[in-house]
Amino acid sequence: MRLAVRFRSVIICSAIMAVSIYFMATPVQAGWEAPLPKGKDTLIHIPRIAKPPVIDGTIDESEWRGAAAVSGVGGCMDNQLYARPTTFFLAWDPDHLYMAIRVWVRPGYKPAVSGRLSHSAPVFDDCAEFNWQPSGKNVAPGRTSSSYKFLVNAIGVDGDFQRVAVGQQFKNWNPEFKTAARLTDTGTAPLGGRWLEMEFSSTFKDFELTGPHQAGDVWRMMLGFNHMYIDWSQGRIPATSSYFDAGGFPVCVLVEDEPVVQELMETLPGPMDGMASVAFKFLNPTAQKAKLTVQARYTEFTKASKDAPEVESELLKKEQSVEIETGKTGEIVINEKYPRERAKSKGAIFYQVSQGERELFRYFIYMPESYPKSVFEPFPKSSKAFPVDGSFNPVRNTFWLTADAYYLDKPDDAKQVRYRVVKQGSDKPFLEGTIDKPMTNFFRRLLQLPADLAPGEYAVETFMRLADGRELGPERANFKKLDEAKEFSAWWNTKLGNVDRVIFPFKAIVRKDAEVSPAGRTYRLDAIGLPEEIVSNGKPVSAGAARIVVVKDGKEISVPLTGMPKFTETTDWRVSFT
């Protein structure tokens, strides 16, 4: 019966997957509204690093100087530069890919984080978002079109693992990344801000590869960072396809024995303020002297009249070269004003780094006419001492209480939360208690309210005690108990709440003998309900039939599963079996 329950869940999940297919079938415009000019899509050469960096959340320059770097994310819909500095560092060795991320944090702001246990990061957190498609010789047959989408939030928690293949998102990809993150002290970043520093490593097995990485492997890598004190913003290194289509992602080539290029736009004011501020840092690990040439071009787009074609004109153009001895580093810094502030027009930036005829790095991004200056002002201090939230279950008369210490300056100083439940108009609590053990800075408890709780409005008042004895609060979470029979009388003795039906545009599940077909998929089941074959959109996605293998005295014995399960229910919305 346990197997039947588990697999019935799989079928239901497949029906949910059909929802994803339905939405993915609609036109996706992300990255397509502002295509990059021909020949100016992002190119990054990722070097083989001599010594692995320590994944501790601190971006040590000596550890990462052998990595490539690219700065400057833009809107996912328009490829227009965000004013907030954001940099990605990338490196590899045969067994690993390494990445670090540095993001400017506004004074007084603390990155929003809700996912705090391993693999729990959601896209609503302030987080890095990636989708990587490998295409080297170590990609397994049948995986050549797969890409791998995942998140890493601002405390280093990963999550939202998806293998994107055959037009669908599969949730059975389970990598084991190593991650770490930290916030630097106030004032360590420009304009009195802080840096969010994140580090990451993965093995080739994490991306289902058959063997080690090697020079010449090509990856398509979406490199993004979401939100950060703006309600909803998804910024990424310029790309020209949706979040689920790797075809327009930056081209990233694993290389060795060639100069390392880092492009850093991390000073403020920056390009959006009419300041061509960029540093190119180089390392020459080769046996010969290397001459590298940087081209940097800042332009604007103007119109002579409303109906006239857009004309691109040059604001600033720089070309500089540097020679770097073997084993040494070099640098080219551009820090010049250009008439951006007077232009009041859209613009663009183009960077290119070459060694002779060989192109090592390429980057292009548009600039909007302006941006809200408030993004660099100190973040307003919250009127709340700490966040408190909860949800009321009117069926069971329970209240799920959550008080969060994460947003305190020193979260670990929070030692206890005291709570009391009162009815509006009364100061006398009818339920009280304390929560002494936080988990990941959350103080949580399911409160059992009286079974005869009367209709009315209620408040859960909370107080947070700190290590020094101070008590913060009260902060309140409110809920309302309705008189259900009175409030929802129109529903009583009707079929308005009937959920046993398929609602358009969803389609009925079809069963033919041992084959069960929710929308877009077909499962052929064996004797106990495990899949002998899974077909998605007409294509097989399973390598073979599911098996149960028993090991006895060191010998594997495969249990025969021929036949079909006993189906106990077949409806448009549910198929059950034992």
Protein backbone atom coordinates (compact mmCIF):
# COMPACT_ATOMS: atom_id res chain seq x y z
CA MET A 1 0.00 0.00 0.00
CA ARG A 2 2.89 2.36 0.69
CA LEU A 3 4.10 1.96 -2.87
CA ALA A 4 0.61 2.60 -4.19
CA VAL A 5 0.37 5.81 -2.17
CA ARG A 6 3.79 7.00 -3.28
CA PHE A 7 3.16 6.36 -6.93
CA ARG A 8 -0.28 7.86 -6.83
CA SER A 9 1.53 10.99 -5.65
CA VAL A 10 3.76 10.75 -8.71
CA ILE A 11 0.74 10.71 -11.00
CA ILE A 12 -0.73 13.71 -9.21
CA CYS A 13 2.61 15.51 -9.52
CA SER A 14 2.56 14.77 -13.22
CA ALA A 15 -0.81 16.41 -13.45
CA ILE A 16 0.73 19.42 -11.70
CA MET A 17 3.61 19.27 -14.20
CA ALA A 18 0.99 19.66 -16.89
CA VAL A 19 0.28 23.07 -15.36
CA SER A 20 3.91 24.00 -16.00
CA ILE A 21 3.61 22.81 -19.57
CA TYR A 22 0.50 24.89 -20.03
CA PHE A 23 2.25 28.06 -18.87
CA MET A 24 5.48 27.31 -20.70
CA ALA A 25 3.51 27.00 -23.92
CA THR A 26 2.66 30.72 -23.75
CA PRO A 27 5.13 33.14 -25.38
CA VAL A 28 8.03 33.99 -23.07
CA GLN A 29 9.56 37.40 -23.72
CA ALA A 30 12.33 37.44 -21.07
CA GLY A 31 15.50 38.65 -22.71
CA TRP A 32 13.91 38.93 -26.15
CA GLU A 33 12.70 42.51 -25.95
CA ALA A 34 16.27 43.84 -26.23
CA PRO A 35 18.39 41.45 -28.31
CA LEU A 36 22.12 41.98 -28.12
CA PRO A 37 23.79 43.22 -31.32
CA LYS A 38 25.21 40.53 -33.56
CA GLY A 39 28.63 39.40 -32.39
CA LYS A 40 28.27 41.06 -28.98
CA ASP A 41 26.75 38.27 -26.94
CA THR A 42 28.57 37.56 -23.68
CA LEU A 43 31.75 35.44 -23.90
CA ILE A 44 33.66 34.30 -20.81
CA HIS A 45 36.76 32.10 -20.77
CA ILE A 46 36.76 30.22 -17.47
CA PRO A 47 40.33 29.31 -16.41
CA ARG A 48 41.55 26.19 -14.74
CA ILE A 49 42.56 27.28 -11.26
CA ALA A 50 45.83 26.08 -9.76
CA LYS A 51 44.61 25.82 -6.15
CA PRO A 52 40.96 25.36 -5.13
CA PRO A 53 39.48 28.31 -3.21
CA VAL A 54 38.24 27.69 0.31
CA ILE A 55 34.44 27.75 0.31
CA ASP A 56 33.92 29.76 3.49
CA GLY A 57 31.94 32.77 2.28
CA THR A 58 34.93 35.12 2.18
CA ILE A 59 36.14 36.14 -1.28
CA ASP A 60 39.88 36.22 -0.66
CA GLU A 61 41.61 37.97 -3.56
CA SER A 62 44.59 35.61 -3.41
CA GLU A 63 42.27 32.59 -3.69
CA TRP A 64 40.21 33.97 -6.59
CA ARG A 65 42.77 35.88 -8.64
CA GLY A 66 43.06 32.83 -10.91
CA ALA A 67 39.31 32.98 -11.72
CA ALA A 68 37.50 34.83 -14.49
CA ALA A 69 35.18 37.64 -13.41
CA VAL A 70 32.31 39.48 -15.05
CA SER A 71 30.44 42.46 -13.56
CA GLY A 72 27.18 44.16 -14.40
CA VAL A 73 23.74 42.53 -14.39
CA GLY A 74 20.79 43.90 -16.33
CA GLY A 75 17.06 43.38 -16.38
CA CYS A 76 16.02 39.98 -17.67
CA MET A 77 13.46 41.56 -19.99
CA ASP A 78 15.49 44.44 -21.41
CA ASN A 79 19.22 43.81 -20.82
CA GLN A 80 19.48 47.25 -19.20
CA LEU A 81 22.20 47.71 -16.59
CA TYR A 82 21.31 47.77 -12.90
CA ALA A 83 23.18 50.47 -10.99
CA ARG A 84 23.93 48.04 -8.13
CA PRO A 85 27.39 46.43 -8.60
CA THR A 86 27.22 42.64 -8.97
CA THR A 87 30.19 40.44 -9.92
CA PHE A 88 30.55 36.71 -10.66
CA PHE A 89 33.89 34.85 -10.38
CA LEU A 90 34.26 31.49 -12.19
CA ALA A 91 36.97 28.80 -12.26
CA TRP A 92 37.35 25.04 -12.73
CA ASP A 93 39.53 22.03 -12.14
CA PRO A 94 38.92 18.49 -13.44
CA ASP A 95 36.62 17.59 -10.56
CA HIS A 96 34.90 20.90 -9.77
CA LEU A 97 33.36 24.15 -10.93
CA TYR A 98 33.94 27.09 -8.57
CA MET A 99 31.98 30.32 -8.33
CA ALA A 100 31.94 33.40 -6.11
CA ILE A 101 29.46 36.29 -6.17
CA ARG A 102 29.91 39.79 -4.78
CA VAL A 103 26.86 42.08 -4.54
CA TRP A 104 26.65 45.64 -3.23
CA VAL A 105 24.24 45.99 -0.29
CA ARG A 106 22.57 49.29 0.51
CA PRO A 107 23.34 50.80 3.97
CA GLY A 108 20.89 49.55 6.60
CA TYR A 109 19.57 46.70 4.44
CA LYS A 110 19.72 43.01 5.28
CA PRO A 111 19.07 40.55 2.42
CA ALA A 112 15.67 38.89 2.60
CA VAL A 113 15.95 35.17 3.34
CA SER A 114 13.16 32.69 4.10
CA GLY A 115 14.80 29.42 3.02
CA ARG A 116 17.24 28.55 5.80
CA LEU A 117 17.57 24.80 5.68
CA SER A 118 19.56 22.98 3.00
CA HIS A 119 17.86 22.89 -0.43
CA SER A 120 15.04 25.24 0.66
CA ALA A 121 15.89 28.55 -1.10
CA PRO A 122 12.88 30.01 -3.00
CA VAL A 123 13.00 32.52 -5.85
CA PHE A 124 11.40 35.14 -3.57
CA ASP A 125 14.56 35.35 -1.45
CA ASP A 126 17.35 37.77 -2.29
CA CYS A 127 19.25 35.12 -4.18
CA ALA A 128 21.46 34.18 -7.09
CA GLU A 129 19.63 32.31 -9.85
CA PHE A 130 21.34 30.10 -12.40
CA ASN A 131 20.59 27.83 -15.32
CA TRP A 132 23.66 26.03 -16.72
CA GLN A 133 23.84 23.80 -19.76
CA PRO A 134 26.98 21.66 -20.22
CA SER A 135 27.95 20.56 -23.72
CA GLY A 136 31.39 19.02 -23.29
CA LYS A 137 32.46 15.47 -24.09
CA ASN A 138 31.48 14.36 -20.59
CA VAL A 139 27.74 14.90 -21.15
CA ALA A 140 25.91 11.58 -21.01
CA PRO A 141 23.95 10.41 -24.07
CA GLY A 142 20.37 11.56 -23.74
CA ARG A 143 21.40 14.55 -21.63
CA THR A 144 22.83 16.72 -24.40
CA SER A 145 19.89 19.16 -24.36
CA SER A 146 19.44 19.27 -20.58
CA SER A 147 20.18 22.36 -18.53
CA TYR A 148 20.23 22.71 -14.74
CA LYS A 149 18.44 25.52 -12.94
CA PHE A 150 19.05 26.32 -9.26
CA LEU A 151 19.20 29.07 -6.63
CA VAL A 152 21.63 30.10 -3.88
CA ASN A 153 20.27 32.63 -1.40
CA ALA A 154 22.05 35.30 0.62
CA ILE A 155 22.99 32.97 3.49
CA GLY A 156 24.31 30.29 1.15
CA VAL A 157 21.27 27.99 1.13
CA ASP A 158 20.59 26.38 -2.24
CA GLY A 159 17.32 25.15 -3.68
CA ASP A 160 14.76 25.04 -6.51
CA PHE A 161 16.69 22.30 -8.33
CA GLN A 162 15.28 21.71 -11.82
CA ARG A 163 16.57 19.72 -14.76
CA VAL A 164 15.12 21.41 -17.82
CA ALA A 165 14.65 18.95 -20.70
CA VAL A 166 12.17 18.05 -23.46
CA GLY A 167 10.21 21.20 -22.72
CA GLN A 168 9.60 20.34 -19.07
CA GLN A 169 11.04 20.95 -15.61
CA PHE A 170 12.04 17.81 -13.75
CA LYS A 171 12.39 17.92 -9.98
CA ASN A 172 14.37 14.70 -9.56
CA TRP A 173 17.77 16.36 -9.89
CA ASN A 174 19.47 16.33 -6.48
CA PRO A 175 22.96 17.88 -6.50
CA GLU A 176 25.04 18.31 -3.36
CA PHE A 177 26.67 21.72 -3.79
CA LYS A 178 29.00 23.27 -1.25
CA THR A 179 28.02 26.85 -0.45
CA ALA A 180 28.83 29.64 2.03
CA ALA A 181 28.00 33.33 2.38
CA ARG A 182 28.62 36.38 4.57
CA LEU A 183 27.93 40.12 4.86
CA THR A 184 30.96 42.37 5.32
CA ASP A 185 30.92 45.18 7.87
CA THR A 186 29.09 48.44 7.24
CA GLY A 187 31.27 50.89 5.33
CA THR A 188 33.43 48.25 3.62
CA ALA A 189 31.68 48.87 0.28
CA PRO A 190 31.12 52.15 -1.64
CA LEU A 191 28.71 54.78 -0.30
CA GLY A 192 28.80 53.30 3.20
CA GLY A 193 27.34 49.97 2.09
CA ARG A 194 28.39 46.37 2.60
CA TRP A 195 29.30 43.49 0.33
CA LEU A 196 27.34 40.27 0.21
CA GLU A 197 29.92 37.60 -0.58
CA MET A 198 28.90 34.09 -1.64
CA GLU A 199 31.03 31.09 -2.63
CA PHE A 200 30.05 27.85 -4.36
CA SER A 201 31.59 24.64 -5.61
CA SER A 202 30.15 21.64 -7.45
CA THR A 203 31.48 18.32 -8.67
CA PHE A 204 31.02 17.11 -12.24
CA LYS A 205 28.69 14.45 -10.81
CA ASP A 206 26.38 17.21 -9.53
CA PHE A 207 25.57 17.99 -13.17
CA GLU A 208 25.17 14.30 -14.08
CA LEU A 209 28.35 14.29 -16.15
CA THR A 210 30.18 11.07 -16.95
CA GLY A 211 33.69 12.26 -16.13
CA PRO A 212 35.97 15.16 -15.23
CA HIS A 213 35.89 18.60 -16.83
CA GLN A 214 38.50 19.39 -19.47
CA ALA A 215 39.70 22.39 -21.42
CA GLY A 216 37.48 23.10 -24.42
CA ASP A 217 34.23 22.17 -22.68
CA VAL A 218 31.57 24.75 -23.50
CA TRP A 219 28.79 25.74 -21.10
CA ARG A 220 25.84 28.06 -21.52
CA MET A 221 25.53 29.82 -18.17
CA MET A 222 22.77 32.12 -17.00
CA LEU A 223 24.29 34.16 -14.17
CA GLY A 224 21.65 36.11 -12.25
CA PHE A 225 20.87 37.78 -8.97
CA ASN A 226 17.30 38.51 -7.86
CA HIS A 227 15.74 41.44 -6.00
CA MET A 228 17.83 43.06 -3.22
CA TYR A 229 15.66 45.77 -1.62
CA ILE A 230 13.48 46.08 -4.74
CA ASP A 231 10.14 44.28 -4.60
CA TRP A 232 10.78 42.09 -7.63
CA SER A 233 13.73 42.33 -9.99
CA GLN A 234 15.60 39.58 -11.78
CA GLY A 235 18.97 40.80 -13.00
CA ARG A 236 21.47 38.72 -14.93
CA ILE A 237 24.56 38.99 -17.09
CA PRO A 238 23.14 39.93 -20.52
CA ALA A 239 21.34 37.10 -22.31
CA THR A 240 18.78 36.83 -25.08
CA SER A 241 16.51 33.94 -24.14
CA SER A 242 14.11 33.02 -21.36
CA TYR A 243 15.15 31.62 -17.99
CA PHE A 244 14.37 28.11 -19.28
CA ASP A 245 16.02 28.35 -22.70
CA ALA A 246 19.81 28.07 -22.64
CA GLY A 247 20.16 29.05 -26.30
CA GLY A 248 20.75 32.72 -25.50
CA PHE A 249 22.81 32.41 -22.31
CA PRO A 250 26.43 33.64 -22.09
CA VAL A 251 28.96 31.33 -23.76
CA CYS A 252 31.44 30.06 -21.17
CA VAL A 253 34.48 28.07 -22.32
CA LEU A 254 36.71 26.09 -19.95
CA VAL A 255 40.33 26.98 -20.78
CA GLU A 256 43.82 26.43 -19.45
CA ASP A 257 47.25 27.86 -20.15
CA GLU A 258 45.94 31.24 -21.22
CA PRO A 259 45.72 34.67 -19.51
CA VAL A 260 42.96 35.15 -16.93
CA VAL A 261 40.56 38.09 -17.39
CA GLN A 262 38.55 39.81 -14.66
CA GLU A 263 36.17 42.67 -15.57
CA LEU A 264 35.07 44.57 -12.44
CA MET A 265 32.49 47.38 -12.29
CA GLU A 266 32.38 47.76 -8.51
CA THR A 267 32.95 51.46 -7.81
CA LEU A 268 30.27 54.09 -7.27
CA PRO A 269 29.37 56.44 -8.89
CA GLY A 270 29.38 54.18 -11.93
CA PRO A 271 28.42 54.07 -15.61
CA MET A 272 24.81 55.01 -14.90
CA ASP A 273 26.06 58.32 -13.45
CA GLY A 274 28.28 59.26 -16.36
CA MET A 275 31.40 57.66 -14.91
CA ALA A 276 33.25 55.08 -17.00
CA SER A 277 34.45 53.14 -13.96
CA VAL A 278 35.82 49.68 -14.72
CA ALA A 279 38.92 47.73 -13.76
CA PHE A 280 40.37 44.89 -15.84
CA LYS A 281 42.64 42.61 -13.83
CA PHE A 282 44.80 39.95 -15.46
CA LEU A 283 46.94 36.99 -14.45
CA ASN A 284 49.39 35.34 -16.81
CA PRO A 285 49.89 31.67 -15.84
CA THR A 286 51.53 30.80 -19.19
CA ALA A 287 55.22 30.29 -19.95
CA GLN A 288 55.44 33.35 -22.24
CA LYS A 289 54.90 37.07 -21.85
CA ALA A 290 51.31 38.00 -22.75
CA LYS A 291 50.09 41.19 -24.44
CA LEU A 292 46.42 41.89 -23.80
CA THR A 293 44.33 44.62 -25.39
CA VAL A 294 41.18 46.10 -23.87
CA GLN A 295 38.54 47.93 -25.86
CA ALA A 296 35.87 49.85 -23.96
CA ARG A 297 33.13 51.80 -25.72
CA TYR A 298 30.32 53.88 -24.21
CA THR A 299 27.55 55.02 -26.57
CA GLU A 300 24.11 56.61 -26.56
CA PHE A 301 21.02 56.20 -28.74
CA THR A 302 19.24 59.35 -29.88
CA LYS A 303 16.53 60.39 -32.34
CA ALA A 304 16.39 63.58 -34.39
CA SER A 305 12.62 63.46 -34.08
CA LYS A 306 9.92 61.22 -32.65
CA ASP A 307 9.50 59.22 -35.85
CA ALA A 308 13.17 59.26 -36.90
CA PRO A 309 15.32 56.11 -36.64
CA GLU A 310 17.47 55.64 -33.57
CA VAL A 311 21.11 56.63 -34.05
CA GLU A 312 24.00 55.30 -31.94
CA SER A 313 26.75 57.80 -31.23
CA GLU A 314 29.97 57.51 -29.27
CA LEU A 315 30.39 59.06 -25.82
CA LEU A 316 33.75 57.54 -24.92
CA LYS A 317 36.08 55.01 -26.54
CA LYS A 318 39.25 53.61 -24.97
CA GLU A 319 41.78 51.11 -26.25
CA GLN A 320 44.69 50.13 -24.04
CA SER A 321 47.22 47.29 -23.99
CA VAL A 322 49.32 45.79 -21.24
CA GLU A 323 52.18 43.30 -21.31
CA ILE A 324 52.31 40.79 -18.47
CA GLU A 325 55.32 38.67 -17.61
CA THR A 326 54.82 34.99 -16.93
CA GLY A 327 53.37 34.32 -13.49
CA LYS A 328 52.61 38.03 -12.96
CA THR A 329 49.47 40.14 -12.76
CA GLY A 330 48.46 43.27 -14.63
CA GLU A 331 45.68 45.83 -14.60
CA ILE A 332 43.96 48.39 -16.80
CA VAL A 333 41.70 50.88 -15.01
CA ILE A 334 39.32 53.24 -16.80
CA ASN A 335 37.94 55.99 -14.59
CA GLU A 336 36.73 58.89 -16.70
CA LYS A 337 33.67 61.07 -16.91
CA TYR A 338 31.57 61.15 -20.06
CA PRO A 339 28.48 63.25 -20.84
CA ARG A 340 26.02 60.62 -19.69
CA GLU A 341 24.17 62.89 -17.25
CA ARG A 342 23.39 65.41 -19.99
CA ALA A 343 22.38 62.78 -22.54
CA LYS A 344 19.04 61.79 -20.98
CA SER A 345 18.89 58.94 -23.44
CA LYS A 346 19.46 55.23 -23.53
CA GLY A 347 23.04 54.08 -23.86
CA ALA A 348 25.23 50.99 -24.12
CA ILE A 349 28.56 49.61 -22.91
CA PHE A 350 30.80 47.24 -24.83
CA TYR A 351 33.97 45.60 -23.47
CA GLN A 352 36.34 43.29 -25.30
CA VAL A 353 39.65 41.73 -24.24
CA SER A 354 41.90 40.11 -26.84
CA GLN A 355 45.31 38.48 -27.07
CA GLY A 356 46.32 39.12 -30.65
CA GLU A 357 43.53 37.67 -32.81
CA ARG A 358 42.18 35.54 -29.96
CA GLU A 359 39.17 36.96 -28.12
CA LEU A 360 39.25 36.17 -24.38
CA PHE A 361 36.27 38.16 -23.10
CA ARG A 362 33.25 40.00 -24.51
CA TYR A 363 30.44 41.92 -22.81
CA PHE A 364 27.65 44.23 -24.00
CA ILE A 365 24.80 45.80 -22.05
CA TYR A 366 22.29 48.59 -22.55
CA MET A 367 21.85 51.49 -20.10
CA PRO A 368 18.44 53.01 -19.30
CA GLU A 369 17.85 56.74 -19.42
CA SER A 370 17.81 56.96 -15.63
CA TYR A 371 17.32 54.99 -12.44
CA PRO A 372 15.80 55.80 -9.01
CA LYS A 373 18.52 57.44 -6.89
CA SER A 374 16.86 56.02 -3.78
CA VAL A 375 18.48 52.64 -4.44
CA PHE A 376 21.71 54.08 -3.00
CA GLU A 377 20.18 55.82 0.00
CA PRO A 378 20.20 54.17 3.46
CA PHE A 379 17.38 51.67 3.71
CA PRO A 380 14.51 52.93 5.93
CA LYS A 381 14.54 51.37 9.37
CA SER A 382 11.56 49.11 9.98
CA SER A 383 8.97 50.26 12.48
CA LYS A 384 8.77 46.68 13.73
CA ALA A 385 11.20 45.31 16.27
CA PHE A 386 11.07 41.92 14.54
CA PRO A 387 8.78 40.19 12.01
CA VAL A 388 5.98 38.04 13.35
CA ASP A 389 3.52 36.06 11.27
CA GLY A 390 1.01 33.28 11.60
CA SER A 391 -1.86 31.38 10.05
CA PHE A 392 -5.14 30.36 11.62
CA ASN A 393 -6.76 27.00 10.91
CA PRO A 394 -10.50 27.36 11.59
CA VAL A 395 -11.13 23.63 11.20
CA ARG A 396 -8.70 22.54 13.91
CA ASN A 397 -8.65 25.81 15.87
CA THR A 398 -4.88 26.06 15.68
CA PHE A 399 -2.57 29.00 15.02
CA TRP A 400 0.90 28.52 13.47
CA LEU A 401 3.08 31.25 15.05
CA THR A 402 6.42 32.42 13.64
CA ALA A 403 8.65 35.12 15.14
CA ASP A 404 11.86 35.85 13.22
CA ALA A 405 15.14 37.03 14.80
CA TYR A 406 17.16 36.97 11.55
CA TYR A 407 16.69 40.68 10.82
CA LEU A 408 18.17 41.78 14.16
CA ASP A 409 21.71 43.17 14.01
CA LYS A 410 22.81 40.11 15.99
CA PRO A 411 20.25 37.33 15.44
CA ASP A 412 21.93 34.91 17.84
CA ASP A 413 21.26 37.34 20.72
CA ALA A 414 17.57 36.35 20.62
CA LYS A 415 17.02 33.74 23.35
CA GLN A 416 13.27 33.48 23.90
CA VAL A 417 9.90 34.55 22.55
CA ARG A 418 7.00 35.06 24.93
CA TYR A 419 3.46 35.03 23.50
CA ARG A 420 -0.07 35.72 24.70
CA VAL A 421 -3.38 35.35 22.82
CA VAL A 422 -6.11 37.91 23.52
CA LYS A 423 -9.50 38.71 22.05
CA GLN A 424 -10.03 42.21 20.70
CA GLY A 425 -11.33 44.48 23.45
CA SER A 426 -9.75 42.44 26.22
CA ASP A 427 -6.35 42.69 27.90
CA LYS A 428 -6.67 39.31 29.57
CA PRO A 429 -4.93 36.49 27.66
CA PHE A 430 -6.61 33.09 27.45
CA LEU A 431 -3.44 31.38 26.23
CA GLU A 432 0.22 32.13 27.11
CA GLY A 433 3.60 30.49 26.70
CA THR A 434 7.28 30.80 25.75
CA ILE A 435 9.39 29.44 22.90
CA ASP A 436 12.99 28.85 23.99
CA LYS A 437 14.61 27.03 21.06
CA PRO A 438 14.90 28.83 17.73
CA MET A 439 15.76 26.99 14.53
CA THR A 440 17.58 29.01 11.87
CA ASN A 441 16.52 32.15 13.83
CA PHE A 442 12.81 31.21 13.62
CA PHE A 443 10.84 30.86 16.88
CA ARG A 444 7.88 28.69 15.89
CA ARG A 445 5.02 26.88 17.57
CA LEU A 446 1.63 25.44 16.63
CA LEU A 447 -0.75 26.90 19.22
CA GLN A 448 -3.78 24.83 20.11
CA LEU A 449 -6.66 27.23 20.73
CA PRO A 450 -9.79 26.31 22.73
CA ALA A 451 -12.22 24.03 20.93
CA ASP A 452 -15.09 26.41 21.74
CA LEU A 453 -13.30 29.51 20.43
CA ALA A 454 -16.00 32.11 19.85
CA PRO A 455 -16.27 34.09 16.60
CA GLY A 456 -14.40 37.38 16.77
CA GLU A 457 -11.06 39.11 16.17
CA TYR A 458 -7.94 38.01 18.03
CA ALA A 459 -4.29 39.02 18.39
CA VAL A 460 -1.22 36.95 19.21
CA GLU A 461 1.15 39.33 21.02
CA THR A 462 4.83 38.39 21.01
CA PHE A 463 7.86 39.65 22.95
CA MET A 464 11.47 38.73 22.10
CA ARG A 465 14.00 38.51 24.95
CA LEU A 466 17.67 39.17 24.15
CA ALA A 467 20.84 37.87 25.77
CA ASP A 468 21.32 41.14 27.69
CA GLY A 469 17.86 40.86 29.26
CA ARG A 470 16.13 43.43 27.06
CA GLU A 471 12.72 42.54 25.69
CA LEU A 472 11.57 43.69 22.25
CA GLY A 473 7.92 44.10 21.32
CA PRO A 474 5.11 43.61 21.50
CA GLU A 475 4.64 42.64 17.85
CA ARG A 476 1.27 41.26 16.84
CA ALA A 477 -0.16 38.71 14.45
CA ASN A 478 -3.92 39.07 14.06
CA PHE A 479 -6.55 36.57 12.98
CA LYS A 480 -10.31 36.38 12.75
CA LYS A 481 -12.59 33.53 13.75
CA LEU A 482 -15.73 33.57 11.61
CA ASP A 483 -19.15 32.16 12.28
CA GLU A 484 -18.84 29.77 9.33
CA ALA A 485 -22.47 28.68 9.21
CA LYS A 486 -23.56 32.32 8.99
CA GLU A 487 -20.79 33.64 6.74
CA PHE A 488 -20.94 30.80 4.21
CA SER A 489 -24.58 29.82 4.33
CA ALA A 490 -24.79 29.98 0.51
CA TRP A 491 -22.45 26.98 0.32
CA TRP A 492 -24.37 24.75 2.69
CA ASN A 493 -26.19 21.77 1.07
CA THR A 494 -24.89 22.59 -2.42
CA LYS A 495 -22.30 21.12 -4.79
CA LEU A 496 -20.42 24.43 -5.19
CA GLY A 497 -17.38 23.01 -3.43
CA ASN A 498 -17.18 19.81 -5.47
CA VAL A 499 -13.51 19.26 -6.33
CA ASP A 500 -13.97 15.86 -7.98
CA ARG A 501 -13.91 17.20 -11.51
CA VAL A 502 -11.47 18.43 -14.15
CA ILE A 503 -11.61 22.18 -14.74
CA PHE A 504 -10.70 23.66 -18.13
CA PRO A 505 -8.00 24.03 -19.48
CA PHE A 506 -6.81 20.90 -17.67
CA LYS A 507 -7.48 17.54 -19.27
CA ALA A 508 -8.76 14.28 -17.90
CA ILE A 509 -6.43 11.43 -16.97
CA VAL A 510 -6.81 8.53 -19.41
CA ARG A 511 -6.13 4.88 -18.51
CA LYS A 512 -5.79 2.02 -20.97
CA ASP A 513 -4.92 -1.27 -19.29
CA ALA A 514 -1.64 -0.58 -17.40
CA GLU A 515 -1.00 2.79 -19.10
CA VAL A 516 -2.00 5.94 -17.25
CA SER A 517 -1.85 9.27 -19.12
CA PRO A 518 -2.17 12.65 -17.40
CA ALA A 519 -1.74 15.61 -19.77
CA GLY A 520 1.42 15.32 -21.86
CA ARG A 521 2.65 12.09 -20.25
CA THR A 522 2.12 8.35 -20.22
CA TYR A 523 3.17 5.93 -17.49
CA ARG A 524 3.12 2.17 -18.13
CA LEU A 525 2.91 0.54 -14.71
CA ASP A 526 4.21 -2.83 -13.54
CA ALA A 527 2.65 -5.23 -11.04
CA ILE A 528 3.15 -2.95 -8.02
CA GLY A 529 2.68 0.38 -9.78
CA LEU A 530 6.28 1.32 -10.53
CA PRO A 531 6.87 2.70 -14.03
CA GLU A 532 8.07 0.32 -16.73
CA GLU A 533 8.25 3.31 -19.05
CA ILE A 534 7.62 7.07 -18.91
CA VAL A 535 6.85 8.95 -22.12
CA SER A 536 6.68 12.77 -22.15
CA ASN A 537 5.39 14.73 -25.14
CA GLY A 538 5.78 11.59 -27.24
CA LYS A 539 9.40 11.00 -26.24
CA PRO A 540 10.71 8.41 -23.75
CA VAL A 541 12.35 10.01 -20.69
CA SER A 542 13.14 6.88 -18.67
CA ALA A 543 16.29 4.91 -19.39
CA GLY A 544 14.61 1.67 -18.40
CA ALA A 545 11.98 0.07 -16.22
CA ALA A 546 12.01 0.74 -12.47
CA ARG A 547 13.37 -2.20 -10.50
CA ILE A 548 13.43 -3.46 -6.93
CA VAL A 549 16.78 -5.03 -6.13
CA VAL A 550 17.37 -7.06 -2.97
CA VAL A 551 20.90 -7.75 -1.78
CA LYS A 552 21.25 -11.11 -0.07
CA ASP A 553 24.65 -12.39 1.07
CA GLY A 554 26.27 -9.80 -1.18
CA LYS A 555 24.35 -10.93 -4.24
CA GLU A 556 21.85 -8.70 -6.03
CA ILE A 557 18.49 -10.27 -6.82
CA SER A 558 16.02 -8.39 -9.02
CA VAL A 559 12.40 -8.91 -7.94
CA PRO A 560 10.13 -9.82 -10.92
CA LEU A 561 7.43 -7.18 -11.39
CA THR A 562 5.65 -8.43 -14.50
CA GLY A 563 1.93 -7.86 -14.78
CA MET A 564 -0.13 -4.84 -13.81
CA PRO A 565 -1.43 -3.47 -10.52
CA LYS A 566 -5.02 -3.84 -9.36
CA PHE A 567 -6.77 -0.59 -10.25
CA THR A 568 -9.41 0.36 -7.69
CA GLU A 569 -10.52 3.70 -9.14
CA THR A 570 -10.32 5.33 -12.56
CA THR A 571 -11.85 8.77 -12.92
CA ASP A 572 -11.08 11.87 -14.95
CA TRP A 573 -9.20 13.36 -12.00
CA ARG A 574 -7.71 10.39 -10.12
CA VAL A 575 -6.37 6.90 -10.72
CA SER A 576 -5.87 4.64 -7.70
CA PHE A 577 -4.42 1.15 -7.43
CA THR A 578 -3.11 -1.38 -4.94
